[in-house]
Amino acid sequence: MRLFDRSSLFVHRLAGGLAAGLTASGLTAAGLALIAAASTPVPARAEDTSTARADDLVIVDCLLPPKTRRLGRRSTYLQPRQPLRTTAADCRIRGGEYTEPDQATYATSLRVWLPQAEAGDAEAQFYVGQIYEKGLGAAPDLAQAALWYRKAAEQGDAPSAVALGYLFEEGLGVERDEVAALNWYRKAAGLAEDLVVLERSEYDALVAELAAKEQEAQDLENEIEVLRDELEKAAAQQAADDAAEARRVDALRSTVERLEADLAARQREIADGRDEVAQLEKRLRTISSKEPATASATAQSASLNELPFGGYHALVIGNSSYRALPAIESAARDARLVADLLRSKYGFEVRLLIDADRLAIMAALNDLREQLTSEDNLLVYYAGHGERDAAGRAAYWQPVDADADSTVRWIPNEVVTEHLDLIPARHVFVVADSVYSGLRTRSSIAALPRGMTNEERYFHIKLLLDKRARLVLSSGGPGTDGTAPKQARPSRFADTFVELLEQNDGILEASRLYVEINERLADRGAGLEFATMKWARNDLAEFFFVPSTLR
């Protein structure tokens, strides 16, 4: 592993200036400038400088040095080394040890997190599960990933329960089991008996399955009726001692008996299914009546707009004028429209980046990590070039300083996810008029069903506000309709996104926004994606757009 020693690398070069450039929680712009000046050799070209300084902001697994603790007056001891997810620059400042991201392997990454995971720390167990699921420097070991996710999930770690649910849903490292997936998603919600969304989802699935079985039973009854008619006709026409005809009648009789046995079994399944539906209906009614008296009373006297939604912030990026790639004329325009709408109607504090290079985007993400709190919501909007690798497993945002044939200045979506994972904001939503990789399924999002009463919405939105969300809505590709290049015309995705937010006068969930955009762009072909971020810690939650007049 690459070791950075605080005394040899920083103290004699930064002296007192470092203290003025740093905050207790992270790096300020001034601090980053000091770090870059102290740790980065003066390059031959300015573009190399920006690349090196941006790399200081990459998230790494940092192993902090042991701390000396005093026990009584005479005895001292070393506290075990602690793992930390932070930027490379911050790790160096703290005298920590880390491996460059592109050199990470099972061994180096596990060295950081495994001791604490084996000691029972749930967060460390989650990260060990991620290491095995990613397959750093080797093929993924999904069975080991499931094992470590389960250890953390059984301690009540919601993100690990979501990750384990996804493995069961997809059959990765474990036998595919949709019921187990649903149960782990329930556990992640922390409300196994009280979250109507999940109960209603199971109820709807069961009703659909029951309807299919009833149709199959009806088809079976029809088939039996036809065979009975044929049997009666064959028996009536049976010639005396006609062996062939007798065999045909016997065969028909055997078929009818077998089908009648199948029908009886199917009818028993239907009866059991009806009982289960009745139990779920009863449970749903019970759940609605189980709302705490305080919440129910509040719901009767308070409207939805009195819920504690917290502060709203946005990072809006529009890259139009590229140095080495084709221009995207609509990107900057779309970004300005989105920024203006978020400010004026929804009360967002917006940071707008037009034609941003790699350093500007990475620095903005780092600033958000320092500035936001757990009471905040963050929307990241990106319009610009993006690219997937040939296997479709990784994707990149391409800043304006990106080269067409080199990924050096491209920003992997995984890096964006890592930053957003560490940002304290409770609800984070990425809207990308571009690609985004590393997503789970939509099943890991607790979307509120339509048709709920205001009281039900109040109660369940309040529950979801306490959950952690890391969501992505992506247009999925470089074209506006799957055929035309984006730079040739305005983005229909962006226009639809803006139009729906302009028309909204109430509380709009990200999941409903996706459904409505998808319906309006149904003719554009596949590509629209909406899911949770695969490599971030997620509970079952939502992102809510609330006009400032309602807060």
Protein backbone atom coordinates (compact mmCIF):
# COMPACT_ATOMS: atom_id res chain seq x y z
CA MET A 1 0.00 0.00 0.00
CA ARG A 2 1.07 3.57 -0.62
CA LEU A 3 2.08 5.27 2.63
CA PHE A 4 1.99 9.04 3.14
CA ASP A 5 3.76 10.28 6.22
CA ARG A 6 2.43 13.49 7.70
CA SER A 7 5.76 14.79 9.03
CA SER A 8 7.81 14.21 5.89
CA LEU A 9 5.20 15.29 3.35
CA PHE A 10 3.29 18.17 4.88
CA VAL A 11 4.52 19.72 8.11
CA HIS A 12 7.71 21.29 6.81
CA ARG A 13 6.02 22.52 3.60
CA LEU A 14 2.66 23.83 4.75
CA ALA A 15 3.55 25.11 8.24
CA GLY A 16 1.00 27.54 9.62
CA GLY A 17 -0.74 28.13 6.28
CA LEU A 18 -2.38 24.71 6.37
CA ALA A 19 -4.37 25.45 9.51
CA ALA A 20 -5.91 28.51 7.87
CA GLY A 21 -6.89 26.55 4.76
CA LEU A 22 -8.61 23.62 6.38
CA THR A 23 -11.85 23.14 8.27
CA ALA A 24 -12.55 20.51 10.90
CA SER A 25 -14.89 18.64 8.57
CA GLY A 26 -12.86 18.61 5.38
CA LEU A 27 -11.06 20.73 2.80
CA THR A 28 -11.90 24.27 1.75
CA ALA A 29 -10.98 25.63 -1.65
CA ALA A 30 -8.02 27.41 -0.07
CA GLY A 31 -6.94 24.24 1.67
CA LEU A 32 -7.09 22.30 -1.59
CA ALA A 33 -4.94 24.91 -3.25
CA LEU A 34 -2.35 24.60 -0.48
CA ILE A 35 -2.40 20.81 -0.71
CA ALA A 36 -2.05 20.88 -4.47
CA ALA A 37 0.87 23.31 -4.21
CA ALA A 38 2.58 21.19 -1.59
CA SER A 39 1.98 17.73 -2.95
CA THR A 40 1.89 18.14 -6.74
CA PRO A 41 5.07 18.80 -8.75
CA VAL A 42 4.88 21.74 -11.13
CA PRO A 43 3.95 20.11 -14.44
CA ALA A 44 4.99 21.10 -17.90
CA ARG A 45 1.42 21.91 -18.97
CA ALA A 46 -1.54 23.47 -17.13
CA GLU A 47 -3.86 20.62 -18.16
CA ASP A 48 -1.66 18.15 -16.27
CA THR A 49 -2.02 20.31 -13.15
CA SER A 50 -5.81 20.13 -13.23
CA THR A 51 -5.73 16.37 -13.70
CA ALA A 52 -3.39 15.87 -10.72
CA ARG A 53 -5.37 18.17 -8.42
CA ALA A 54 -8.66 16.53 -9.35
CA ASP A 55 -7.15 13.18 -8.43
CA ASP A 56 -6.63 14.53 -4.90
CA LEU A 57 -10.43 14.54 -4.58
CA VAL A 58 -10.99 10.88 -5.46
CA ILE A 59 -12.60 8.89 -2.62
CA VAL A 60 -10.32 6.22 -1.14
CA ASP A 61 -10.39 3.63 1.63
CA CYS A 62 -8.09 5.28 4.18
CA LEU A 63 -6.46 3.48 7.10
CA LEU A 64 -5.72 6.06 9.78
CA PRO A 65 -2.63 5.73 11.97
CA PRO A 66 -3.09 4.38 15.52
CA LYS A 67 -3.64 6.95 18.25
CA THR A 68 -1.82 6.94 21.57
CA ARG A 69 -4.17 6.84 24.55
CA ARG A 70 -3.24 7.28 28.23
CA LEU A 71 -4.57 4.98 30.91
CA GLY A 72 -3.97 6.54 34.30
CA ARG A 73 -0.80 8.55 34.87
CA ARG A 74 1.86 6.10 33.77
CA SER A 75 0.32 3.66 31.31
CA THR A 76 -0.23 4.41 27.62
CA TYR A 77 -1.55 2.22 24.79
CA LEU A 78 -2.13 2.42 21.05
CA GLN A 79 -5.70 2.53 19.83
CA PRO A 80 -6.32 0.20 16.82
CA ARG A 81 -6.10 1.79 13.38
CA GLN A 82 -9.45 3.01 12.11
CA PRO A 83 -10.75 2.76 8.51
CA LEU A 84 -12.32 5.81 6.88
CA ARG A 85 -13.84 6.69 3.50
CA THR A 86 -12.53 10.10 2.50
CA THR A 87 -10.63 11.92 -0.23
CA ALA A 88 -7.04 11.07 -1.04
CA ALA A 89 -5.92 14.55 0.05
CA ASP A 90 -7.74 14.34 3.38
CA CYS A 91 -6.25 10.90 4.03
CA ARG A 92 -2.75 12.27 3.45
CA ILE A 93 -3.37 15.19 5.80
CA ARG A 94 -4.40 12.80 8.55
CA GLY A 95 -1.27 10.72 8.00
CA GLY A 96 -3.34 7.85 6.69
CA GLU A 97 -2.50 5.04 4.34
CA TYR A 98 -4.38 4.19 1.15
CA THR A 99 -4.03 2.58 -2.25
CA GLU A 100 -4.64 4.40 -5.51
CA PRO A 101 -8.14 3.44 -6.73
CA ASP A 102 -6.90 1.96 -10.01
CA GLN A 103 -4.43 -0.24 -8.07
CA ALA A 104 -6.89 -1.52 -5.48
CA THR A 105 -7.26 -5.30 -5.06
CA TYR A 106 -9.06 -7.63 -2.69
CA ALA A 107 -5.98 -7.75 -0.47
CA THR A 108 -5.31 -4.03 -0.22
CA SER A 109 -8.96 -3.04 0.23
CA LEU A 110 -9.71 -5.80 2.72
CA ARG A 111 -6.69 -4.77 4.75
CA VAL A 112 -8.48 -1.50 5.49
CA TRP A 113 -11.93 -2.82 6.42
CA LEU A 114 -11.68 -6.52 7.34
CA PRO A 115 -10.36 -6.23 10.93
CA GLN A 116 -13.19 -3.91 11.93
CA ALA A 117 -15.72 -6.06 10.03
CA GLU A 118 -14.53 -9.18 11.84
CA ALA A 119 -14.91 -7.26 15.11
CA GLY A 120 -18.61 -6.91 14.29
CA ASP A 121 -18.86 -3.36 12.92
CA ALA A 122 -21.88 -3.32 10.56
CA GLU A 123 -20.66 -0.46 8.36
CA ALA A 124 -17.30 -2.18 7.88
CA GLN A 125 -19.14 -5.40 7.02
CA PHE A 126 -21.11 -3.51 4.39
CA TYR A 127 -17.91 -2.24 2.78
CA VAL A 128 -16.34 -5.72 2.86
CA GLY A 129 -19.47 -6.97 1.07
CA GLN A 130 -18.98 -4.24 -1.54
CA ILE A 131 -15.34 -5.21 -2.04
CA TYR A 132 -16.33 -8.80 -2.80
CA GLU A 133 -19.27 -7.72 -4.97
CA LYS A 134 -17.12 -5.35 -7.03
CA GLY A 135 -14.35 -7.90 -7.50
CA LEU A 136 -11.40 -5.55 -7.08
CA GLY A 137 -8.49 -6.93 -9.04
CA ALA A 138 -10.24 -10.29 -9.44
CA ALA A 139 -13.56 -11.86 -10.35
CA PRO A 140 -16.41 -10.86 -7.98
CA ASP A 141 -17.07 -13.30 -5.15
CA LEU A 142 -20.82 -12.82 -4.80
CA ALA A 143 -21.28 -15.60 -2.26
CA GLN A 144 -18.83 -13.83 0.07
CA ALA A 145 -20.57 -10.53 -0.64
CA ALA A 146 -23.91 -12.04 0.42
CA LEU A 147 -22.33 -13.48 3.56
CA TRP A 148 -20.98 -10.11 4.73
CA TYR A 149 -24.12 -8.19 3.75
CA ARG A 150 -26.14 -10.70 5.79
CA LYS A 151 -23.89 -10.22 8.84
CA ALA A 152 -24.50 -6.47 8.73
CA ALA A 153 -28.19 -6.74 7.80
CA GLU A 154 -28.87 -9.03 10.75
CA GLN A 155 -27.53 -6.24 12.97
CA GLY A 156 -30.13 -3.90 11.51
CA ASP A 157 -27.95 -2.16 8.89
CA ALA A 158 -30.52 -1.05 6.32
CA PRO A 159 -28.16 -0.47 3.35
CA SER A 160 -26.79 -4.00 3.79
CA ALA A 161 -30.33 -5.37 3.83
CA VAL A 162 -31.05 -3.55 0.55
CA ALA A 163 -27.83 -4.91 -0.98
CA LEU A 164 -28.65 -8.44 0.17
CA GLY A 165 -32.21 -8.11 -1.12
CA TYR A 166 -30.83 -7.17 -4.52
CA LEU A 167 -28.62 -10.29 -4.60
CA PHE A 168 -31.63 -12.48 -3.80
CA GLU A 169 -33.76 -10.65 -6.38
CA GLU A 170 -31.18 -11.22 -9.12
CA GLY A 171 -29.89 -14.62 -7.95
CA LEU A 172 -26.31 -13.37 -7.51
CA GLY A 173 -24.22 -15.44 -5.12
CA VAL A 174 -27.41 -16.90 -3.65
CA GLU A 175 -30.34 -18.83 -5.06
CA ARG A 176 -32.83 -16.48 -6.67
CA ASP A 177 -35.66 -15.90 -4.19
CA GLU A 178 -38.07 -13.00 -4.71
CA VAL A 179 -39.78 -13.62 -1.37
CA ALA A 180 -36.45 -13.42 0.47
CA ALA A 181 -35.62 -10.26 -1.51
CA LEU A 182 -38.91 -8.67 -0.45
CA ASN A 183 -38.33 -9.63 3.17
CA TRP A 184 -34.85 -8.07 3.18
CA TYR A 185 -36.24 -4.92 1.57
CA ARG A 186 -38.85 -4.90 4.35
CA LYS A 187 -36.12 -5.26 6.96
CA ALA A 188 -34.26 -2.37 5.37
CA ALA A 189 -37.35 -0.22 5.80
CA GLY A 190 -37.32 -1.07 9.50
CA LEU A 191 -41.10 -1.22 9.33
CA ALA A 192 -41.87 -4.81 8.40
CA GLU A 193 -45.43 -4.63 9.71
CA ASP A 194 -46.17 -0.97 9.14
CA LEU A 195 -45.05 0.07 5.66
CA VAL A 196 -48.18 -0.08 3.54
CA VAL A 197 -46.18 0.35 0.36
CA LEU A 198 -44.50 -3.02 0.66
CA GLU A 199 -47.59 -4.81 1.93
CA ARG A 200 -49.67 -3.34 -0.87
CA SER A 201 -47.01 -4.35 -3.40
CA GLU A 202 -47.14 -7.96 -2.17
CA TYR A 203 -50.93 -7.82 -2.15
CA ASP A 204 -51.08 -6.60 -5.76
CA ALA A 205 -48.63 -9.31 -6.85
CA LEU A 206 -50.65 -11.98 -5.07
CA VAL A 207 -53.92 -10.77 -6.59
CA ALA A 208 -52.35 -10.86 -10.05
CA GLU A 209 -51.00 -14.37 -9.45
CA LEU A 210 -54.40 -15.51 -8.16
CA ALA A 211 -56.14 -14.09 -11.24
CA ALA A 212 -53.71 -16.00 -13.47
CA LYS A 213 -54.39 -19.23 -11.60
CA GLU A 214 -58.14 -18.68 -11.85
CA GLN A 215 -57.79 -18.19 -15.59
CA GLU A 216 -55.73 -21.37 -15.85
CA ALA A 217 -58.40 -23.25 -13.87
CA GLN A 218 -61.09 -21.90 -16.17
CA ASP A 219 -59.13 -23.00 -19.22
CA LEU A 220 -58.68 -26.42 -17.62
CA GLU A 221 -62.42 -26.70 -16.95
CA ASN A 222 -63.15 -25.83 -20.58
CA GLU A 223 -60.69 -28.47 -21.76
CA ILE A 224 -62.26 -31.08 -19.47
CA GLU A 225 -65.75 -30.23 -20.76
CA VAL A 226 -64.63 -30.72 -24.36
CA LEU A 227 -63.02 -34.05 -23.51
CA ARG A 228 -66.13 -35.19 -21.64
CA ASP A 229 -68.27 -34.49 -24.71
CA GLU A 230 -65.81 -36.42 -26.85
CA LEU A 231 -65.80 -39.27 -24.34
CA GLU A 232 -69.59 -39.51 -24.37
CA LYS A 233 -69.66 -39.60 -28.16
CA ALA A 234 -66.90 -42.23 -28.28
CA ALA A 235 -68.68 -44.40 -25.72
CA ALA A 236 -71.96 -44.15 -27.64
CA GLN A 237 -70.31 -45.18 -30.88
CA GLN A 238 -68.23 -47.92 -29.37
CA ALA A 239 -68.67 -51.10 -31.35
CA ALA A 240 -69.09 -54.37 -29.56
CA ASP A 241 -65.72 -55.77 -28.59
CA ASP A 242 -63.91 -53.21 -30.79
CA ALA A 243 -60.55 -53.28 -29.05
CA ALA A 244 -59.14 -50.14 -30.70
CA GLU A 245 -62.21 -48.10 -29.82
CA ALA A 246 -62.15 -49.45 -26.29
CA ARG A 247 -58.52 -48.41 -25.88
CA ARG A 248 -59.36 -44.91 -27.13
CA VAL A 249 -62.22 -44.64 -24.66
CA ASP A 250 -59.94 -45.80 -21.83
CA ALA A 251 -57.29 -43.29 -22.84
CA LEU A 252 -59.83 -40.46 -22.89
CA ARG A 253 -61.17 -41.55 -19.52
CA SER A 254 -57.64 -41.57 -18.05
CA THR A 255 -56.98 -38.08 -19.47
CA VAL A 256 -60.20 -36.73 -18.01
CA GLU A 257 -59.38 -38.24 -14.61
CA ARG A 258 -55.87 -36.73 -14.68
CA LEU A 259 -57.18 -33.30 -15.67
CA GLU A 260 -59.86 -33.47 -12.99
CA ALA A 261 -57.14 -34.21 -10.42
CA ASP A 262 -55.11 -31.24 -11.75
CA LEU A 263 -58.20 -29.04 -11.56
CA ALA A 264 -58.86 -30.08 -7.97
CA ALA A 265 -55.25 -29.25 -7.04
CA ARG A 266 -55.50 -25.90 -8.80
CA GLN A 267 -58.76 -25.13 -7.02
CA ARG A 268 -57.10 -25.87 -3.68
CA GLU A 269 -54.29 -23.44 -4.62
CA ILE A 270 -56.89 -20.83 -5.52
CA ALA A 271 -58.68 -21.35 -2.21
CA ASP A 272 -55.38 -20.97 -0.34
CA GLY A 273 -54.59 -17.88 -2.41
CA ARG A 274 -57.95 -16.34 -1.59
CA ASP A 275 -57.31 -16.95 2.09
CA GLU A 276 -53.90 -15.25 1.79
CA VAL A 277 -55.44 -12.30 -0.08
CA ALA A 278 -58.06 -11.99 2.66
CA GLN A 279 -55.32 -12.02 5.31
CA LEU A 280 -53.36 -9.33 3.46
CA GLU A 281 -56.49 -7.23 3.07
CA LYS A 282 -57.08 -7.55 6.81
CA ARG A 283 -53.43 -6.69 7.50
CA LEU A 284 -53.64 -3.61 5.27
CA ARG A 285 -56.74 -2.43 7.11
CA THR A 286 -55.00 -3.15 10.42
CA ILE A 287 -51.88 -1.26 9.33
CA SER A 288 -53.92 1.81 8.46
CA SER A 289 -55.55 1.70 11.89
CA LYS A 290 -52.21 1.08 13.66
CA GLU A 291 -50.89 4.59 13.04
CA PRO A 292 -49.83 6.05 16.36
CA ALA A 293 -52.43 8.30 17.91
CA THR A 294 -50.04 11.23 17.83
CA ALA A 295 -49.31 10.83 14.12
CA SER A 296 -52.97 10.35 13.29
CA ALA A 297 -53.99 13.38 15.30
CA THR A 298 -51.28 15.41 13.68
CA ALA A 299 -52.42 14.28 10.26
CA GLN A 300 -55.93 15.47 10.99
CA SER A 301 -54.80 18.91 12.12
CA ALA A 302 -51.79 19.42 9.88
CA SER A 303 -51.45 19.38 6.12
CA LEU A 304 -48.73 17.69 4.09
CA ASN A 305 -46.85 20.96 3.68
CA GLU A 306 -45.99 20.99 7.40
CA LEU A 307 -43.75 17.95 7.12
CA PRO A 308 -40.05 18.61 7.91
CA PHE A 309 -38.58 18.31 4.42
CA GLY A 310 -35.36 20.12 5.31
CA GLY A 311 -33.15 22.29 3.11
CA TYR A 312 -32.88 21.88 -0.65
CA HIS A 313 -29.65 22.22 -2.60
CA ALA A 314 -28.71 21.53 -6.21
CA LEU A 315 -25.57 21.13 -8.28
CA VAL A 316 -26.54 21.76 -11.91
CA ILE A 317 -23.98 21.03 -14.64
CA GLY A 318 -24.45 21.90 -18.30
CA ASN A 319 -21.55 21.11 -20.65
CA SER A 320 -21.98 22.48 -24.17
CA SER A 321 -18.60 23.75 -25.42
CA TYR A 322 -16.15 20.86 -25.52
CA ARG A 323 -12.49 21.19 -26.39
CA ALA A 324 -12.11 17.84 -28.15
CA LEU A 325 -15.68 16.48 -28.45
CA PRO A 326 -18.67 17.73 -30.47
CA ALA A 327 -20.59 20.62 -28.96
CA ILE A 328 -23.96 20.00 -27.29
CA GLU A 329 -25.84 23.22 -27.87
CA SER A 330 -28.82 22.31 -25.68
CA ALA A 331 -26.89 21.27 -22.53
CA ALA A 332 -26.08 24.75 -21.17
CA ARG A 333 -29.56 26.00 -22.04
CA ASP A 334 -31.18 23.05 -20.27
CA ALA A 335 -28.99 23.49 -17.20
CA ARG A 336 -29.94 27.16 -16.90
CA LEU A 337 -33.64 26.33 -17.24
CA VAL A 338 -33.39 23.66 -14.55
CA ALA A 339 -31.41 25.94 -12.23
CA ASP A 340 -33.86 28.83 -12.61
CA LEU A 341 -36.87 26.59 -12.01
CA LEU A 342 -35.34 24.95 -8.93
CA ARG A 343 -34.53 28.37 -7.46
CA SER A 344 -37.76 30.18 -8.28
CA LYS A 345 -40.40 27.52 -7.65
CA TYR A 346 -38.79 25.04 -5.27
CA GLY A 347 -36.46 27.25 -3.23
CA PHE A 348 -33.27 25.32 -3.97
CA GLU A 349 -29.87 26.84 -3.27
CA VAL A 350 -28.30 26.19 -6.66
CA ARG A 351 -24.68 25.99 -7.77
CA LEU A 352 -24.63 26.22 -11.57
CA LEU A 353 -21.61 25.00 -13.54
CA ILE A 354 -21.54 25.77 -17.26
CA ASP A 355 -18.83 24.09 -19.36
CA ALA A 356 -17.18 22.55 -16.32
CA ASP A 357 -13.91 20.67 -16.50
CA ARG A 358 -12.99 17.65 -14.39
CA LEU A 359 -11.49 19.64 -11.53
CA ALA A 360 -14.52 21.96 -11.27
CA ILE A 361 -16.95 19.04 -11.02
CA MET A 362 -14.84 17.12 -8.51
CA ALA A 363 -14.29 20.24 -6.39
CA ALA A 364 -18.03 21.00 -6.39
CA LEU A 365 -18.82 17.49 -5.15
CA ASN A 366 -16.18 17.85 -2.43
CA ASP A 367 -17.62 21.22 -1.36
CA LEU A 368 -21.06 19.65 -0.97
CA ARG A 369 -19.56 16.98 1.26
CA GLU A 370 -18.32 19.72 3.57
CA GLN A 371 -21.33 22.03 3.43
CA LEU A 372 -24.46 19.87 3.66
CA THR A 373 -26.00 18.27 6.72
CA SER A 374 -28.21 15.27 7.39
CA GLU A 375 -31.25 17.56 7.26
CA ASP A 376 -30.61 18.49 3.61
CA ASN A 377 -31.76 17.25 0.22
CA LEU A 378 -29.47 17.35 -2.82
CA LEU A 379 -30.30 17.23 -6.52
CA VAL A 380 -27.44 16.76 -8.99
CA TYR A 381 -28.42 17.53 -12.59
CA TYR A 382 -25.95 16.71 -15.38
CA ALA A 383 -26.33 17.49 -19.07
CA GLY A 384 -23.37 16.65 -21.25
CA HIS A 385 -21.48 13.91 -23.00
CA GLY A 386 -21.32 10.47 -21.41
CA GLU A 387 -19.91 7.13 -22.47
CA ARG A 388 -20.35 3.46 -21.51
CA ASP A 389 -17.63 0.88 -21.80
CA ALA A 390 -18.00 -1.97 -24.28
CA ALA A 391 -19.32 -4.36 -21.62
CA GLY A 392 -21.87 -1.82 -20.39
CA ARG A 393 -20.69 -2.25 -16.79
CA ALA A 394 -19.05 1.15 -16.36
CA ALA A 395 -20.07 4.59 -17.53
CA TYR A 396 -18.47 8.01 -17.48
CA TRP A 397 -19.40 11.68 -17.55
CA GLN A 398 -17.16 13.60 -19.90
CA PRO A 399 -16.20 17.11 -18.74
CA VAL A 400 -15.35 19.79 -21.29
CA ASP A 401 -11.62 18.96 -21.00
CA ALA A 402 -12.23 15.29 -21.89
CA ASP A 403 -10.30 13.72 -24.75
CA ALA A 404 -12.12 11.48 -27.19
CA ASP A 405 -9.60 8.63 -27.02
CA SER A 406 -8.44 8.79 -23.39
CA THR A 407 -10.39 8.27 -20.16
CA VAL A 408 -7.86 10.23 -18.06
CA ARG A 409 -10.17 13.24 -17.64
CA TRP A 410 -13.44 11.32 -17.77
CA ILE A 411 -15.32 11.00 -14.48
CA PRO A 412 -16.50 7.44 -13.74
CA ASN A 413 -20.06 7.31 -12.46
CA GLU A 414 -18.72 5.14 -9.65
CA VAL A 415 -16.59 8.09 -8.48
CA VAL A 416 -19.66 10.34 -8.49
CA THR A 417 -21.54 7.70 -6.48
CA GLU A 418 -18.70 7.47 -3.94
CA HIS A 419 -18.82 11.23 -3.36
CA LEU A 420 -22.60 11.26 -3.08
CA ASP A 421 -22.43 8.35 -0.64
CA LEU A 422 -20.27 10.42 1.73
CA ILE A 423 -22.29 13.63 1.43
CA PRO A 424 -24.30 13.92 4.68
CA ALA A 425 -27.54 14.92 2.90
CA ARG A 426 -30.24 12.38 3.67
CA HIS A 427 -31.91 12.39 0.25
CA VAL A 428 -29.79 12.63 -2.91
CA PHE A 429 -31.20 12.44 -6.43
CA VAL A 430 -29.12 12.42 -9.62
CA VAL A 431 -30.91 13.44 -12.80
CA ALA A 432 -28.58 12.73 -15.72
CA ASP A 433 -29.41 13.67 -19.28
CA SER A 434 -26.67 11.19 -20.06
CA VAL A 435 -25.62 7.72 -18.93
CA TYR A 436 -25.26 6.42 -15.38
CA SER A 437 -24.00 3.01 -14.32
CA GLY A 438 -23.96 1.03 -11.10
CA LEU A 439 -27.72 0.85 -10.45
CA ARG A 440 -29.88 -1.65 -8.64
CA THR A 441 -33.49 -2.45 -9.58
CA ARG A 442 -36.52 -0.24 -9.00
CA SER A 443 -37.75 -2.84 -6.49
CA SER A 444 -35.40 -1.29 -3.90
CA ILE A 445 -37.33 1.99 -3.98
CA ALA A 446 -40.34 2.34 -1.69
CA ALA A 447 -42.59 4.22 -4.10
CA LEU A 448 -45.85 5.43 -2.60
CA PRO A 449 -48.87 3.99 -4.43
CA ARG A 450 -51.41 6.32 -5.97
CA GLY A 451 -54.84 6.64 -4.45
CA MET A 452 -53.70 7.13 -0.85
CA THR A 453 -55.65 9.55 1.31
CA ASN A 454 -53.95 12.72 2.56
CA GLU A 455 -53.70 11.13 5.99
CA GLU A 456 -52.01 8.02 4.59
CA ARG A 457 -49.63 10.13 2.49
CA TYR A 458 -48.79 12.30 5.48
CA PHE A 459 -47.93 9.32 7.66
CA HIS A 460 -45.87 7.45 5.08
CA ILE A 461 -44.05 10.47 3.67
CA LYS A 462 -43.08 11.29 7.23
CA LEU A 463 -41.68 7.76 7.62
CA LEU A 464 -39.70 8.01 4.38
CA LEU A 465 -38.26 11.41 5.30
CA ASP A 466 -36.22 9.68 8.00
CA LYS A 467 -34.74 7.22 5.53
CA ARG A 468 -31.59 7.62 3.44
CA ALA A 469 -32.00 7.79 -0.34
CA ARG A 470 -29.48 7.71 -3.19
CA LEU A 471 -31.50 7.67 -6.43
CA VAL A 472 -30.72 8.10 -10.14
CA LEU A 473 -32.92 9.06 -13.08
CA SER A 474 -30.97 8.77 -16.33
CA SER A 475 -31.93 9.36 -19.95
CA GLY A 476 -29.67 6.38 -20.61
CA GLY A 477 -27.79 7.51 -23.70
CA PRO A 478 -26.40 10.29 -25.87
CA GLY A 479 -29.43 10.80 -28.11
CA THR A 480 -32.71 12.58 -27.45
CA ASP A 481 -34.83 9.87 -29.01
CA GLY A 482 -32.39 7.02 -29.52
CA THR A 483 -31.56 8.04 -33.09
CA ALA A 484 -30.70 11.73 -33.46
CA PRO A 485 -27.49 13.13 -31.94
CA LYS A 486 -28.19 15.33 -28.94
CA GLN A 487 -26.47 18.38 -30.34
CA ALA A 488 -28.86 18.49 -33.32
CA ARG A 489 -31.97 19.43 -31.32
CA PRO A 490 -33.14 20.30 -27.78
CA SER A 491 -33.32 17.42 -25.32
CA ARG A 492 -36.82 15.99 -25.00
CA PHE A 493 -35.80 14.45 -21.69
CA ALA A 494 -34.80 17.83 -20.26
CA ASP A 495 -37.85 19.58 -21.68
CA THR A 496 -40.16 16.96 -20.18
CA PHE A 497 -38.38 17.10 -16.82
CA VAL A 498 -38.75 20.89 -16.68
CA GLU A 499 -42.35 20.82 -17.90
CA LEU A 500 -43.46 18.34 -15.23
CA LEU A 501 -41.76 20.31 -12.46
CA GLU A 502 -43.39 23.50 -13.72
CA GLN A 503 -46.84 21.88 -13.74
CA ASN A 504 -46.48 20.35 -10.29
CA ASP A 505 -48.27 22.17 -7.46
CA GLY A 506 -47.95 19.56 -4.71
CA ILE A 507 -45.52 17.03 -3.28
CA LEU A 508 -43.97 15.15 -6.20
CA GLU A 509 -41.99 11.95 -5.56
CA ALA A 510 -39.02 11.03 -7.76
CA SER A 511 -40.66 7.68 -8.56
CA ARG A 512 -43.84 9.37 -9.85
CA LEU A 513 -41.74 11.86 -11.82
CA TYR A 514 -40.01 8.92 -13.51
CA VAL A 515 -43.32 7.25 -14.39
CA GLU A 516 -44.70 10.42 -15.96
CA ILE A 517 -41.52 11.15 -17.92
CA ASN A 518 -41.46 7.54 -19.10
CA GLU A 519 -45.08 7.77 -20.27
CA ARG A 520 -44.41 10.96 -22.24
CA LEU A 521 -41.25 9.60 -23.83
CA ALA A 522 -42.64 6.14 -24.57
CA ASP A 523 -41.96 6.60 -28.29
CA ARG A 524 -38.23 7.23 -27.79
CA GLY A 525 -37.41 3.58 -27.17
CA ALA A 526 -35.60 1.94 -24.28
CA GLY A 527 -33.02 3.88 -22.30
CA LEU A 528 -34.71 5.69 -19.43
CA GLU A 529 -33.44 4.31 -16.11
CA PHE A 530 -34.59 4.91 -12.53
CA ALA A 531 -33.07 3.05 -9.59
CA THR A 532 -30.97 3.29 -6.46
CA MET A 533 -27.20 3.68 -6.66
CA LYS A 534 -25.56 0.30 -6.35
CA TRP A 535 -22.43 1.36 -4.49
CA ALA A 536 -24.00 3.81 -2.04
CA ARG A 537 -25.65 3.18 1.30
CA ASN A 538 -29.41 3.26 0.70
CA ASP A 539 -32.43 2.73 2.88
CA LEU A 540 -35.84 2.34 1.26
CA ALA A 541 -36.63 5.99 0.63
CA GLU A 542 -37.74 8.66 -1.85
CA PHE A 543 -36.81 12.14 -3.01
CA PHE A 544 -39.57 14.75 -2.76
CA PHE A 545 -39.99 17.91 -4.85
CA VAL A 546 -41.95 20.43 -2.75
CA PRO A 547 -42.74 23.95 -4.03
CA SER A 548 -41.40 26.58 -1.65
CA THR A 549 -44.95 27.90 -1.17
CA LEU A 550 -45.80 24.64 0.60
CA ARG A 551 -42.84 24.60 3.00
